[in-house]
Structure formats: C-alpha cells, structure tokens
C-alpha cells in the first residue's frame, strides 16, 4: 500500500496542523502587523481546530476594525 494515507498518518497530520494553527495565532498576538499577511492566506474556516479558527476570525475582525488585540 505504498502511497496510501493511513488513519495513523491522518491523525499525525491533524495533530501537527493544530500545532501550526496555534503557532500562527500566537505569532499574530506577538506581532499584530503579521495579521494582514495571514488574513490574505487563510480564514478561520480553513483551520482544523474550529475553536482556534474562531479565535483567528475574532482577531482578524478586531484588526480590520482598527481595534487593539
């Protein structure tokens, strides 16, 4: 079964993706100037973890309105 994705591979991918999502949101909180870059590339609905995606949308909404994060 060379080349096939197993359930274990899928679980690993999801775990790594969630960690990357956390790092993206964390980096925006550290340097809000990066928020516009992220907003051009992803939306909250792109996140595997819906809660992190909702938090990302909240942050981007505040930034878009010129409010502090």
Protein backbone atom coordinates (compact mmCIF):
# COMPACT_ATOMS: atom_id res chain seq x y z
CA UNK A 1 0.00 0.00 0.00
CA UNK A 2 2.74 2.42 -0.88
CA UNK A 3 1.49 5.99 -1.14
CA UNK A 4 -1.76 5.45 0.72
CA UNK A 5 -2.65 7.55 3.72
CA UNK A 6 -3.44 5.53 6.80
CA UNK A 7 -5.61 6.63 9.69
CA UNK A 8 -2.47 7.00 11.80
CA UNK A 9 -0.92 9.30 9.18
CA UNK A 10 -4.12 11.32 9.11
CA UNK A 11 -4.12 11.66 12.90
CA UNK A 12 -0.49 12.78 12.87
CA UNK A 13 -1.22 15.32 10.17
CA UNK A 14 -4.13 16.71 12.16
CA UNK A 15 -2.04 16.97 15.32
CA UNK A 16 0.77 18.79 13.50
CA UNK A 17 -1.72 21.06 11.72
CA UNK A 18 -3.35 22.06 15.01
CA UNK A 19 0.07 22.91 16.47
CA UNK A 20 0.80 25.03 13.39
CA UNK A 21 -2.55 26.78 13.78
CA UNK A 22 -1.69 27.60 17.39
CA UNK A 23 1.69 28.96 16.30
CA UNK A 24 0.07 31.13 13.63
CA UNK A 25 -2.38 32.66 16.10
CA UNK A 26 0.39 33.06 18.68
CA UNK A 27 2.63 34.83 16.18
CA UNK A 28 -0.17 37.25 15.35
CA UNK A 29 -0.62 38.01 19.03
CA UNK A 30 3.11 38.71 19.36
CA UNK A 31 3.33 40.82 16.17
CA UNK A 32 -0.09 42.07 15.11
CA UNK A 33 1.47 43.52 11.96
CA UNK A 34 1.58 39.97 10.62
CA UNK A 35 -2.20 39.68 10.85
CA UNK A 36 -2.80 41.22 7.43
CA UNK A 37 -0.37 38.75 5.86
CA UNK A 38 -2.21 35.85 7.47
CA UNK A 39 -5.60 37.27 6.51
CA UNK A 40 -4.60 37.18 2.83
CA UNK A 41 -3.75 33.50 3.07
CA UNK A 42 -6.22 31.84 5.43
CA UNK A 43 -9.59 32.24 7.10
CA UNK A 44 -10.90 30.75 10.30
CA UNK A 45 -12.86 28.21 8.29
CA UNK A 46 -9.56 26.80 6.98
CA UNK A 47 -8.48 25.67 10.44
CA UNK A 48 -8.79 22.04 11.52
CA UNK A 49 -9.50 23.13 15.11
CA UNK A 50 -12.74 25.11 14.94
CA UNK A 51 -12.04 26.93 18.22
CA UNK A 52 -8.68 28.17 17.00
CA UNK A 53 -10.31 29.18 13.72
CA UNK A 54 -12.97 31.14 15.59
CA UNK A 55 -10.26 32.86 17.64
CA UNK A 56 -8.38 33.70 14.43
CA UNK A 57 -11.57 35.21 12.98
CA UNK A 58 -12.07 37.27 16.15
CA UNK A 59 -8.52 38.61 15.97
CA UNK A 60 -8.79 39.44 12.26
CA UNK A 61 -12.13 41.13 12.83
CA UNK A 62 -10.66 43.35 15.55
CA UNK A 63 -7.63 44.20 13.40
CA UNK A 64 -9.86 45.01 10.41
CA UNK A 65 -11.80 47.44 12.61
CA UNK A 66 -8.59 49.07 13.83
CA UNK A 67 -9.18 47.86 17.38
CA UNK A 68 -6.37 46.65 19.63
CA UNK A 69 -5.80 42.95 20.05
